[in-house]
Amino acid sequence: MRVNSDKPDIWKLDIDKSVDFYNKWFMRFAPKAYRSSRLDATKQVESTLKLTNNLTDIGPEVLNSNPGILPILRMATAPPIARDRLIGLGNISPNLVRTMEKNNSVPPHMKPRVVESELAKIGKTIRVLADEDIFTWLDSKKQPTKEQIHRAATIVADRLCGAVADPIIRNAQEKRQLASIKAWLEKRGYKHFDTKRDREIHKVPPATFAIRFNVPIKQPGNGRQVNIPIDVIIMPKNAKAGMLPVMIEAKSAGDFTNTNKRRKEEATKINQLRSTYGEEVKFILFLCGYFDSGYLGYEVAEGIDWVWEHRIDDLERLGL
């Protein structure tokens, strides 16, 4: 049974309601999520200032021991610089910079002498560009007060959070969506399934669910088995032996542009599931926010149905 994919006559109304639902949540909770992330970021910046003696020591030894501080140092300059800009300005090894930021380490096969030389270039570039309007003590060469350090850390934290604001909001929204599904299921007598005890998808007990379940699939072509993450799997109360659970992906969007960039992800996932488990796979999207008719039509063409979060009781139509 289809839920919403066969009702294009009400898509426009649902799109409007979904946008309103998302915007109300954003206005109430997004600032709180941002403030929480900024508080954590402020602590990280203060720790970085301590490690670098308040930006007066950004030498190879400090950077080698603490490679993960580089993103913070890039936000401490005037203007803040992107990773590639740092590489270009200092003529620094791209592999070194990217490994420091992505893996919190230096490349293990790079010669120590080369590492030291490249790290020295990073430190010199950051020090030359350091924002002395924020780090006022660098110009005066006086020891900063605790208040000055905290103020500077807060400003840099704002820059860090501004650069990753969308992921912060998206992660907070995803947590809320999953909590909504969990509360809906528990209200109807469903219990959380212990994924540590048994991970076989066909052995999920009736009237249970799991959050972020890794479903094994076989890759087309080579038949290699890999796991793909599914946000929620639910085994209906009346499930028969060997039945597949309902699989739900929580999706949210704060504008219409990004949804069209991300819609291929769901198509890839359902095709992988069907190639492994057959056409009986029940793969449903749980949507909240800016999903327009173009996005919905694309999902219909891929055989994907959805439930709107503002009408969560439609989950009942999945036999739950």
C-alpha atoms as a PDB file:
ATOM      1  CA  MET A   1       0.000   0.000   0.000  1.00  0.00           C
ATOM      2  CA  ARG A   2       1.301   3.436  -0.921  1.00  0.00           C
ATOM      3  CA  VAL A   3       1.309   6.221   1.638  1.00  0.00           C
ATOM      4  CA  ASN A   4       1.852   9.556  -0.112  1.00  0.00           C
ATOM      5  CA  SER A   5       3.610   8.903  -3.403  1.00  0.00           C
ATOM      6  CA  ASP A   6       0.296   8.273  -5.204  1.00  0.00           C
ATOM      7  CA  LYS A   7      -1.370  11.509  -4.010  1.00  0.00           C
ATOM      8  CA  PRO A   8       0.102  14.349  -6.122  1.00  0.00           C
ATOM      9  CA  ASP A   9      -3.086  16.355  -5.595  1.00  0.00           C
ATOM     10  CA  ILE A  10      -2.084  17.045  -1.966  1.00  0.00           C
ATOM     11  CA  TRP A  11       1.682  17.387  -2.457  1.00  0.00           C
ATOM     12  CA  LYS A  12       1.563  21.178  -2.596  1.00  0.00           C
ATOM     13  CA  LEU A  13      -0.415  21.417   0.645  1.00  0.00           C
ATOM     14  CA  ASP A  14       1.949  19.002   2.374  1.00  0.00           C
ATOM     15  CA  ILE A  15       5.003  20.884   1.096  1.00  0.00           C
ATOM     16  CA  ASP A  16       3.672  24.120   2.594  1.00  0.00           C
ATOM     17  CA  LYS A  17       2.883  22.442   5.922  1.00  0.00           C
ATOM     18  CA  SER A  18       6.285  20.754   6.014  1.00  0.00           C
ATOM     19  CA  VAL A  19       8.076  24.062   5.412  1.00  0.00           C
ATOM     20  CA  ASP A  20       6.042  25.679   8.206  1.00  0.00           C
ATOM     21  CA  PHE A  21       6.798  22.744  10.533  1.00  0.00           C
ATOM     22  CA  TYR A  22      10.541  23.018   9.880  1.00  0.00           C
ATOM     23  CA  ASN A  23      10.622  26.802  10.241  1.00  0.00           C
ATOM     24  CA  LYS A  24       8.829  26.704  13.606  1.00  0.00           C
ATOM     25  CA  TRP A  25      11.334  24.132  14.882  1.00  0.00           C
ATOM     26  CA  PHE A  26      14.253  26.158  13.536  1.00  0.00           C
ATOM     27  CA  MET A  27      13.163  29.372  15.249  1.00  0.00           C
ATOM     28  CA  ARG A  28      12.680  27.591  18.590  1.00  0.00           C
ATOM     29  CA  PHE A  29      15.587  25.153  18.715  1.00  0.00           C
ATOM     30  CA  ALA A  30      18.282  26.022  16.164  1.00  0.00           C
ATOM     31  CA  PRO A  31      19.739  28.895  18.237  1.00  0.00           C
ATOM     32  CA  LYS A  32      20.034  26.538  21.216  1.00  0.00           C
ATOM     33  CA  ALA A  33      21.853  23.921  19.105  1.00  0.00           C
ATOM     34  CA  TYR A  34      24.169  26.605  17.743  1.00  0.00           C
ATOM     35  CA  ARG A  35      24.918  28.007  21.207  1.00  0.00           C
ATOM     36  CA  SER A  36      25.741  24.546  22.525  1.00  0.00           C
ATOM     37  CA  SER A  37      28.168  23.936  19.667  1.00  0.00           C
ATOM     38  CA  ARG A  38      29.703  27.375  20.158  1.00  0.00           C
ATOM     39  CA  LEU A  39      30.304  26.618  23.841  1.00  0.00           C
ATOM     40  CA  ASP A  40      32.153  23.419  22.921  1.00  0.00           C
ATOM     41  CA  ALA A  41      34.110  25.271  20.238  1.00  0.00           C
ATOM     42  CA  THR A  42      35.089  28.006  22.701  1.00  0.00           C
ATOM     43  CA  LYS A  43      36.594  25.397  25.010  1.00  0.00           C
ATOM     44  CA  GLN A  44      38.553  23.914  22.092  1.00  0.00           C
ATOM     45  CA  VAL A  45      39.895  27.338  21.122  1.00  0.00           C
ATOM     46  CA  GLU A  46      40.935  28.083  24.701  1.00  0.00           C
ATOM     47  CA  SER A  47      42.748  24.748  24.781  1.00  0.00           C
ATOM     48  CA  THR A  48      44.511  25.613  21.519  1.00  0.00           C
ATOM     49  CA  LEU A  49      45.577  28.987  22.914  1.00  0.00           C
ATOM     50  CA  LYS A  50      47.037  27.229  25.922  1.00  0.00           C
ATOM     51  CA  LEU A  51      48.937  24.749  23.734  1.00  0.00           C
ATOM     52  CA  THR A  52      50.400  27.546  21.621  1.00  0.00           C
ATOM     53  CA  ASN A  53      51.166  29.870  24.550  1.00  0.00           C
ATOM     54  CA  ASN A  54      48.442  32.217  23.308  1.00  0.00           C
ATOM     55  CA  LEU A  55      49.615  32.032  19.678  1.00  0.00           C
ATOM     56  CA  THR A  56      53.187  33.028  20.518  1.00  0.00           C
ATOM     57  CA  ASP A  57      54.484  29.488  19.880  1.00  0.00           C
ATOM     58  CA  ILE A  58      53.166  27.817  16.718  1.00  0.00           C
ATOM     59  CA  GLY A  59      56.327  25.869  16.043  1.00  0.00           C
ATOM     60  CA  PRO A  60      56.799  22.422  14.486  1.00  0.00           C
ATOM     61  CA  GLU A  61      56.907  20.667  17.861  1.00  0.00           C
ATOM     62  CA  VAL A  62      53.504  22.022  18.919  1.00  0.00           C
ATOM     63  CA  LEU A  63      51.892  21.284  15.548  1.00  0.00           C
ATOM     64  CA  ASN A  64      53.389  17.807  15.335  1.00  0.00           C
ATOM     65  CA  SER A  65      52.029  16.920  18.770  1.00  0.00           C
ATOM     66  CA  ASN A  66      48.631  18.569  18.152  1.00  0.00           C
ATOM     67  CA  PRO A  67      47.849  18.435  14.412  1.00  0.00           C
ATOM     68  CA  GLY A  68      44.105  18.708  15.043  1.00  0.00           C
ATOM     69  CA  ILE A  69      44.390  22.369  16.079  1.00  0.00           C
ATOM     70  CA  LEU A  70      45.016  23.507  12.510  1.00  0.00           C
ATOM     71  CA  PRO A  71      41.337  24.280  11.648  1.00  0.00           C
ATOM     72  CA  ILE A  72      41.198  26.520  14.737  1.00  0.00           C
ATOM     73  CA  LEU A  73      44.411  28.298  13.757  1.00  0.00           C
ATOM     74  CA  ARG A  74      42.996  29.005  10.281  1.00  0.00           C
ATOM     75  CA  MET A  75      40.051  30.785  11.931  1.00  0.00           C
ATOM     76  CA  ALA A  76      42.437  32.871  14.052  1.00  0.00           C
ATOM     77  CA  THR A  77      43.750  34.862  11.082  1.00  0.00           C
ATOM     78  CA  ALA A  78      42.614  38.090   9.430  1.00  0.00           C
ATOM     79  CA  PRO A  79      40.791  37.208   7.318  1.00  0.00           C
ATOM     80  CA  PRO A  80      40.055  33.597   8.269  1.00  0.00           C
ATOM     81  CA  ILE A  81      41.532  31.367   5.574  1.00  0.00           C
ATOM     82  CA  ALA A  82      40.333  28.182   3.923  1.00  0.00           C
ATOM     83  CA  ARG A  83      42.479  25.081   3.863  1.00  0.00           C
ATOM     84  CA  ASP A  84      43.516  25.501   0.220  1.00  0.00           C
ATOM     85  CA  ARG A  85      44.301  29.171   0.782  1.00  0.00           C
ATOM     86  CA  LEU A  86      46.699  28.212   3.592  1.00  0.00           C
ATOM     87  CA  ILE A  87      48.365  25.686   1.298  1.00  0.00           C
ATOM     88  CA  GLY A  88      48.807  28.277  -1.446  1.00  0.00           C
ATOM     89  CA  LEU A  89      49.945  31.171   0.726  1.00  0.00           C
ATOM     90  CA  GLY A  90      52.591  29.174   2.540  1.00  0.00           C
ATOM     91  CA  ASN A  91      53.533  26.853  -0.345  1.00  0.00           C
ATOM     92  CA  ILE A  92      52.774  23.987   2.032  1.00  0.00           C
ATOM     93  CA  SER A  93      52.332  20.302   1.237  1.00  0.00           C
ATOM     94  CA  PRO A  94      48.602  19.683   0.529  1.00  0.00           C
ATOM     95  CA  ASN A  95      48.919  16.116   1.799  1.00  0.00           C
ATOM     96  CA  LEU A  96      50.288  17.319   5.135  1.00  0.00           C
ATOM     97  CA  VAL A  97      47.549  19.917   5.672  1.00  0.00           C
ATOM     98  CA  ARG A  98      44.702  17.592   4.698  1.00  0.00           C
ATOM     99  CA  THR A  99      46.020  14.725   6.811  1.00  0.00           C
ATOM    100  CA  MET A 100      46.353  17.013   9.818  1.00  0.00           C
ATOM    101  CA  GLU A 101      42.774  18.219   9.474  1.00  0.00           C
ATOM    102  CA  LYS A 102      41.032  15.016   8.436  1.00  0.00           C
ATOM    103  CA  ASN A 103      43.006  12.425  10.404  1.00  0.00           C
ATOM    104  CA  ASN A 104      44.387  14.530  13.269  1.00  0.00           C
ATOM    105  CA  SER A 105      47.878  13.308  12.408  1.00  0.00           C
ATOM    106  CA  VAL A 106      50.836  13.966  10.134  1.00  0.00           C
ATOM    107  CA  PRO A 107      51.462  11.664   7.119  1.00  0.00           C
ATOM    108  CA  PRO A 108      53.256   8.618   8.550  1.00  0.00           C
ATOM    109  CA  HIS A 109      55.464   8.124   5.491  1.00  0.00           C
ATOM    110  CA  MET A 110      56.649  11.724   5.228  1.00  0.00           C
ATOM    111  CA  LYS A 111      60.267  12.147   6.241  1.00  0.00           C
ATOM    112  CA  PRO A 112      60.712  13.811   9.660  1.00  0.00           C
ATOM    113  CA  ARG A 113      62.951  16.512   8.201  1.00  0.00           C
ATOM    114  CA  VAL A 114      60.310  17.393   5.605  1.00  0.00           C
ATOM    115  CA  VAL A 115      57.541  17.349   8.238  1.00  0.00           C
ATOM    116  CA  GLU A 116      59.463  19.782  10.418  1.00  0.00           C
ATOM    117  CA  SER A 117      60.105  22.127   7.493  1.00  0.00           C
ATOM    118  CA  GLU A 118      56.481  22.112   6.340  1.00  0.00           C
ATOM    119  CA  LEU A 119      55.130  22.586   9.865  1.00  0.00           C
ATOM    120  CA  ALA A 120      57.433  25.568  10.301  1.00  0.00           C
ATOM    121  CA  LYS A 121      55.890  27.119   7.179  1.00  0.00           C
ATOM    122  CA  ILE A 122      52.408  26.575   8.599  1.00  0.00           C
ATOM    123  CA  GLY A 123      53.346  28.246  11.867  1.00  0.00           C
ATOM    124  CA  LYS A 124      54.980  31.188  10.116  1.00  0.00           C
ATOM    125  CA  THR A 125      51.955  31.741   7.849  1.00  0.00           C
ATOM    126  CA  ILE A 126      49.490  31.645  10.741  1.00  0.00           C
ATOM    127  CA  ARG A 127      51.600  33.963  12.852  1.00  0.00           C
ATOM    128  CA  VAL A 128      51.957  36.541  10.053  1.00  0.00           C
ATOM    129  CA  LEU A 129      48.195  36.531   9.427  1.00  0.00           C
ATOM    130  CA  ALA A 130      47.070  36.277  13.078  1.00  0.00           C
ATOM    131  CA  ASP A 131      44.213  38.687  13.770  1.00  0.00           C
ATOM    132  CA  GLU A 132      45.809  41.211  16.127  1.00  0.00           C
ATOM    133  CA  ASP A 133      42.481  42.988  16.599  1.00  0.00           C
ATOM    134  CA  ILE A 134      41.354  39.848  18.433  1.00  0.00           C
ATOM    135  CA  PHE A 135      44.658  38.725  19.900  1.00  0.00           C
ATOM    136  CA  THR A 136      45.619  42.206  21.082  1.00  0.00           C
ATOM    137  CA  TRP A 137      48.510  40.952  23.182  1.00  0.00           C
ATOM    138  CA  LEU A 138      50.493  39.867  20.109  1.00  0.00           C
ATOM    139  CA  ASP A 139      51.189  43.487  19.193  1.00  0.00           C
ATOM    140  CA  SER A 140      51.803  44.734  22.734  1.00  0.00           C
ATOM    141  CA  LYS A 141      53.756  41.616  23.720  1.00  0.00           C
ATOM    142  CA  LYS A 142      52.047  41.681  27.109  1.00  0.00           C
ATOM    143  CA  GLN A 143      50.602  38.648  28.845  1.00  0.00           C
ATOM    144  CA  PRO A 144      46.854  38.472  28.113  1.00  0.00           C
ATOM    145  CA  THR A 145      44.299  38.442  30.912  1.00  0.00           C
ATOM    146  CA  LYS A 146      41.793  35.600  31.324  1.00  0.00           C
ATOM    147  CA  GLU A 147      39.069  37.921  30.047  1.00  0.00           C
ATOM    148  CA  GLN A 148      41.049  38.728  26.898  1.00  0.00           C
ATOM    149  CA  ILE A 149      41.705  35.046  26.220  1.00  0.00           C
ATOM    150  CA  HIS A 150      38.058  34.098  26.695  1.00  0.00           C
ATOM    151  CA  ARG A 151      36.867  36.966  24.498  1.00  0.00           C
ATOM    152  CA  ALA A 152      39.248  35.982  21.709  1.00  0.00           C
ATOM    153  CA  ALA A 153      38.264  32.314  22.029  1.00  0.00           C
ATOM    154  CA  THR A 154      34.583  33.199  21.737  1.00  0.00           C
ATOM    155  CA  ILE A 155      35.172  35.179  18.532  1.00  0.00           C
ATOM    156  CA  VAL A 156      37.150  32.358  16.929  1.00  0.00           C
ATOM    157  CA  ALA A 157      34.489  29.871  18.077  1.00  0.00           C
ATOM    158  CA  ASP A 158      31.861  31.960  16.289  1.00  0.00           C
ATOM    159  CA  ARG A 159      33.925  31.740  13.127  1.00  0.00           C
ATOM    160  CA  LEU A 160      34.291  27.977  13.483  1.00  0.00           C
ATOM    161  CA  CYS A 161      30.572  27.445  14.051  1.00  0.00           C
ATOM    162  CA  GLY A 162      29.681  29.816  11.235  1.00  0.00           C
ATOM    163  CA  ALA A 163      31.704  27.647   8.859  1.00  0.00           C
ATOM    164  CA  VAL A 164      29.784  24.515   9.910  1.00  0.00           C
ATOM    165  CA  ALA A 165      26.391  26.005  10.809  1.00  0.00           C
ATOM    166  CA  ASP A 166      24.428  23.871   8.361  1.00  0.00           C
ATOM    167  CA  PRO A 167      25.795  20.532   9.658  1.00  0.00           C
ATOM    168  CA  ILE A 168      25.124  21.662  13.248  1.00  0.00           C
ATOM    169  CA  ILE A 169      21.482  22.372  12.442  1.00  0.00           C
ATOM    170  CA  ARG A 170      21.108  19.237  10.306  1.00  0.00           C
ATOM    171  CA  ASN A 171      22.473  16.995  13.070  1.00  0.00           C
ATOM    172  CA  ALA A 172      20.141  18.546  15.641  1.00  0.00           C
ATOM    173  CA  GLN A 173      17.184  18.087  13.306  1.00  0.00           C
ATOM    174  CA  GLU A 174      18.077  14.445  12.630  1.00  0.00           C
ATOM    175  CA  LYS A 175      18.233  13.692  16.350  1.00  0.00           C
ATOM    176  CA  ARG A 176      14.818  15.263  16.791  1.00  0.00           C
ATOM    177  CA  GLN A 177      13.324  13.300  13.893  1.00  0.00           C
ATOM    178  CA  LEU A 178      14.628   9.995  15.227  1.00  0.00           C
ATOM    179  CA  ALA A 179      13.325  10.861  18.692  1.00  0.00           C
ATOM    180  CA  SER A 180       9.890  11.559  17.175  1.00  0.00           C
ATOM    181  CA  ILE A 181       9.781   8.150  15.468  1.00  0.00           C
ATOM    182  CA  LYS A 182      10.999   6.430  18.642  1.00  0.00           C
ATOM    183  CA  ALA A 183       8.315   8.116  20.766  1.00  0.00           C
ATOM    184  CA  TRP A 184       5.605   7.256  18.233  1.00  0.00           C
ATOM    185  CA  LEU A 185       6.618   3.578  18.202  1.00  0.00           C
ATOM    186  CA  GLU A 186       6.970   3.244  21.970  1.00  0.00           C
ATOM    187  CA  LYS A 187       3.532   4.793  22.480  1.00  0.00           C
ATOM    188  CA  ARG A 188       2.176   1.888  20.421  1.00  0.00           C
ATOM    189  CA  GLY A 189       3.994  -0.812  22.354  1.00  0.00           C
ATOM    190  CA  TYR A 190       7.118  -1.253  20.237  1.00  0.00           C
ATOM    191  CA  LYS A 191      10.369  -2.051  22.061  1.00  0.00           C
ATOM    192  CA  HIS A 192      13.944  -1.164  21.161  1.00  0.00           C
ATOM    193  CA  PHE A 193      15.783  -4.106  19.577  1.00  0.00           C
ATOM    194  CA  ASP A 194      19.204  -5.020  20.979  1.00  0.00           C
ATOM    195  CA  THR A 195      21.406  -4.760  17.881  1.00  0.00           C
ATOM    196  CA  LYS A 196      24.495  -5.912  19.810  1.00  0.00           C
ATOM    197  CA  ARG A 197      22.938  -9.291  20.492  1.00  0.00           C
ATOM    198  CA  ASP A 198      21.776 -10.071  16.959  1.00  0.00           C
ATOM    199  CA  ARG A 199      22.388  -8.073  13.810  1.00  0.00           C
ATOM    200  CA  GLU A 200      20.696 -10.307  11.204  1.00  0.00           C
ATOM    201  CA  ILE A 201      17.979  -8.306   9.504  1.00  0.00           C
ATOM    202  CA  HIS A 202      15.630 -11.272   9.066  1.00  0.00           C
ATOM    203  CA  LYS A 203      15.804 -12.070  12.782  1.00  0.00           C
ATOM    204  CA  VAL A 204      14.495  -8.770  14.114  1.00  0.00           C
ATOM    205  CA  PRO A 205      11.671  -9.748  16.541  1.00  0.00           C
ATOM    206  CA  PRO A 206       8.107  -8.545  15.845  1.00  0.00           C
ATOM    207  CA  ALA A 207       7.012  -5.317  17.553  1.00  0.00           C
ATOM    208  CA  THR A 208      10.616  -4.058  17.853  1.00  0.00           C
ATOM    209  CA  PHE A 209      12.722  -1.349  16.225  1.00  0.00           C
ATOM    210  CA  ALA A 210      16.358  -0.260  16.027  1.00  0.00           C
ATOM    211  CA  ILE A 211      17.991   3.106  15.423  1.00  0.00           C
ATOM    212  CA  ARG A 212      20.892   3.385  12.964  1.00  0.00           C
ATOM    213  CA  PHE A 213      21.003  -0.242  11.901  1.00  0.00           C
ATOM    214  CA  ASN A 214      23.702  -1.469   9.493  1.00  0.00           C
ATOM    215  CA  VAL A 215      22.036  -3.532   6.776  1.00  0.00           C
ATOM    216  CA  PRO A 216      24.331  -5.875   4.783  1.00  0.00           C
ATOM    217  CA  ILE A 217      24.028  -5.649   0.992  1.00  0.00           C
ATOM    218  CA  LYS A 218      25.897  -7.206  -1.911  1.00  0.00           C
ATOM    219  CA  GLN A 219      27.601  -4.789  -4.238  1.00  0.00           C
ATOM    220  CA  PRO A 220      26.537  -5.099  -7.881  1.00  0.00           C
ATOM    221  CA  GLY A 221      29.200  -6.593 -10.079  1.00  0.00           C
ATOM    222  CA  ASN A 222      31.585  -8.119  -7.566  1.00  0.00           C
ATOM    223  CA  GLY A 223      29.050  -9.469  -5.033  1.00  0.00           C
ATOM    224  CA  ARG A 224      31.115  -8.133  -2.155  1.00  0.00           C
ATOM    225  CA  GLN A 225      29.153  -7.719   1.076  1.00  0.00           C
ATOM    226  CA  VAL A 226      29.180  -4.305   2.723  1.00  0.00           C
ATOM    227  CA  ASN A 227      26.965  -2.590   5.279  1.00  0.00           C
ATOM    228  CA  ILE A 228      24.819   0.447   4.557  1.00  0.00           C
ATOM    229  CA  PRO A 229      23.346   2.451   7.456  1.00  0.00           C
ATOM    230  CA  ILE A 230      19.568   2.754   7.809  1.00  0.00           C
ATOM    231  CA  ASP A 231      18.211   5.330  10.265  1.00  0.00           C
ATOM    232  CA  VAL A 232      15.346   3.189  11.613  1.00  0.00           C
ATOM    233  CA  ILE A 233      14.208  -0.379  11.023  1.00  0.00           C
ATOM    234  CA  ILE A 234      10.878  -1.588  12.380  1.00  0.00           C
ATOM    235  CA  MET A 235       9.444  -5.108  12.461  1.00  0.00           C
ATOM    236  CA  PRO A 236       5.632  -4.903  12.484  1.00  0.00           C
ATOM    237  CA  LYS A 237       3.678  -6.612  15.244  1.00  0.00           C
ATOM    238  CA  ASN A 238       2.037  -9.041  12.819  1.00  0.00           C
ATOM    239  CA  ALA A 239       5.270  -9.908  10.987  1.00  0.00           C
ATOM    240  CA  LYS A 240       5.688 -13.468   9.726  1.00  0.00           C
ATOM    241  CA  ALA A 241       8.922 -15.452   9.914  1.00  0.00           C
ATOM    242  CA  GLY A 242      11.530 -14.282   7.426  1.00  0.00           C
ATOM    243  CA  MET A 243       9.789 -10.978   6.744  1.00  0.00           C
ATOM    244  CA  LEU A 244      11.918  -7.907   6.159  1.00  0.00           C
ATOM    245  CA  PRO A 245      11.477  -4.936   8.504  1.00  0.00           C
ATOM    246  CA  VAL A 246      10.258  -1.547   7.360  1.00  0.00           C
ATOM    247  CA  MET A 247      13.273   0.672   6.694  1.00  0.00           C
ATOM    248  CA  ILE A 248      13.049   4.438   7.264  1.00  0.00           C
ATOM    249  CA  GLU A 249      15.456   7.213   6.329  1.00  0.00           C
ATOM    250  CA  ALA A 250      14.993  10.530   8.163  1.00  0.00           C
ATOM    251  CA  LYS A 251      15.491  13.491   5.823  1.00  0.00           C
ATOM    252  CA  SER A 252      15.318  17.202   6.587  1.00  0.00           C
ATOM    253  CA  ALA A 253      16.174  20.277   4.547  1.00  0.00           C
ATOM    254  CA  GLY A 254      16.307  23.983   5.293  1.00  0.00           C
ATOM    255  CA  ASP A 255      16.014  25.074   1.650  1.00  0.00           C
ATOM    256  CA  PHE A 256      14.845  23.669  -1.676  1.00  0.00           C
ATOM    257  CA  THR A 257      18.266  23.726  -3.375  1.00  0.00           C
ATOM    258  CA  ASN A 258      20.080  21.087  -1.345  1.00  0.00           C
ATOM    259  CA  THR A 259      17.312  18.498  -1.655  1.00  0.00           C
ATOM    260  CA  ASN A 260      17.875  18.185  -5.397  1.00  0.00           C
ATOM    261  CA  LYS A 261      21.580  17.623  -4.794  1.00  0.00           C
ATOM    262  CA  ARG A 262      20.919  14.876  -2.240  1.00  0.00           C
ATOM    263  CA  ARG A 263      18.025  12.979  -3.839  1.00  0.00           C
ATOM    264  CA  LYS A 264      20.281  10.521  -5.651  1.00  0.00           C
ATOM    265  CA  GLU A 265      21.453   9.172  -2.274  1.00  0.00           C
ATOM    266  CA  GLU A 266      18.053   7.564  -1.612  1.00  0.00           C
ATOM    267  CA  ALA A 267      17.851   6.141  -5.135  1.00  0.00           C
ATOM    268  CA  THR A 268      21.262   4.512  -4.750  1.00  0.00           C
ATOM    269  CA  LYS A 269      20.322   3.062  -1.374  1.00  0.00           C
ATOM    270  CA  ILE A 270      17.009   1.520  -2.438  1.00  0.00           C
ATOM    271  CA  ASN A 271      18.577   0.008  -5.570  1.00  0.00           C
ATOM    272  CA  GLN A 272      21.279  -1.610  -3.412  1.00  0.00           C
ATOM    273  CA  LEU A 273      18.636  -2.993  -1.055  1.00  0.00           C
ATOM    274  CA  ARG A 274      16.462  -4.338  -3.866  1.00  0.00           C
ATOM    275  CA  SER A 275      19.383  -5.986  -5.626  1.00  0.00           C
ATOM    276  CA  THR A 276      20.096  -7.887  -2.400  1.00  0.00           C
ATOM    277  CA  TYR A 277      16.648  -8.534  -0.902  1.00  0.00           C
ATOM    278  CA  GLY A 278      14.234  -8.224  -3.822  1.00  0.00           C
ATOM    279  CA  GLU A 279      11.315  -5.995  -4.679  1.00  0.00           C
ATOM    280  CA  GLU A 280       9.558  -6.621  -1.349  1.00  0.00           C
ATOM    281  CA  VAL A 281      11.859  -4.118   0.375  1.00  0.00           C
ATOM    282  CA  LYS A 282       9.883  -1.404   2.201  1.00  0.00           C
ATOM    283  CA  PHE A 283      12.070   1.699   2.127  1.00  0.00           C
ATOM    284  CA  ILE A 284      10.347   4.871   3.319  1.00  0.00           C
ATOM    285  CA  LEU A 285      11.517   8.479   3.701  1.00  0.00           C
ATOM    286  CA  PHE A 286      10.552  10.498   6.781  1.00  0.00           C
ATOM    287  CA  LEU A 287      10.486  14.070   5.496  1.00  0.00           C
ATOM    288  CA  CYS A 288      10.583  17.419   7.231  1.00  0.00           C
ATOM    289  CA  GLY A 289      11.286  20.767   5.621  1.00  0.00           C
ATOM    290  CA  TYR A 290      11.848  21.979   2.082  1.00  0.00           C
ATOM    291  CA  PHE A 291      11.041  19.119  -0.315  1.00  0.00           C
ATOM    292  CA  ASP A 292       9.404  20.367  -3.506  1.00  0.00           C
ATOM    293  CA  SER A 293       7.376  18.605  -6.205  1.00  0.00           C
ATOM    294  CA  GLY A 294      10.485  18.032  -8.312  1.00  0.00           C
ATOM    295  CA  TYR A 295      12.126  16.125  -5.473  1.00  0.00           C
ATOM    296  CA  LEU A 296       8.967  14.123  -4.743  1.00  0.00           C
ATOM    297  CA  GLY A 297       8.488  13.244  -8.408  1.00  0.00           C
ATOM    298  CA  TYR A 298      12.059  11.989  -8.599  1.00  0.00           C
ATOM    299  CA  GLU A 299      11.478   9.708  -5.607  1.00  0.00           C
ATOM    300  CA  VAL A 300       8.251   8.361  -7.127  1.00  0.00           C
ATOM    301  CA  ALA A 301      10.149   7.494 -10.308  1.00  0.00           C
ATOM    302  CA  GLU A 302      12.581   5.485  -8.162  1.00  0.00           C
ATOM    303  CA  GLY A 303       9.709   3.674  -6.433  1.00  0.00           C
ATOM    304  CA  ILE A 304      10.231   5.419  -3.098  1.00  0.00           C
ATOM    305  CA  ASP A 305       7.365   6.459  -0.805  1.00  0.00           C
ATOM    306  CA  TRP A 306       7.418   8.831   2.156  1.00  0.00           C
ATOM    307  CA  VAL A 307       5.775   9.943   5.392  1.00  0.00           C
ATOM    308  CA  TRP A 308       5.668  13.610   6.348  1.00  0.00           C
ATOM    309  CA  GLU A 309       6.720  14.386   9.886  1.00  0.00           C
ATOM    310  CA  HIS A 310       3.865  16.833  10.313  1.00  0.00           C
ATOM    311  CA  ARG A 311       1.550  13.853   9.668  1.00  0.00           C
ATOM    312  CA  ILE A 312       3.515  11.168  11.481  1.00  0.00           C
ATOM    313  CA  ASP A 313       0.451   8.984  12.060  1.00  0.00           C
ATOM    314  CA  ASP A 314       0.702   7.953   8.400  1.00  0.00           C
ATOM    315  CA  LEU A 315       3.241   5.417   9.687  1.00  0.00           C
ATOM    316  CA  GLU A 316       0.217   3.311  10.579  1.00  0.00           C
ATOM    317  CA  ARG A 317      -0.397   2.790   6.867  1.00  0.00           C
ATOM    318  CA  LEU A 318       2.837   0.805   6.728  1.00  0.00           C
ATOM    319  CA  GLY A 319       1.247  -1.871   8.915  1.00  0.00           C
ATOM    320  CA  LEU A 320       2.853  -0.554  12.094  1.00  0.00           C
END
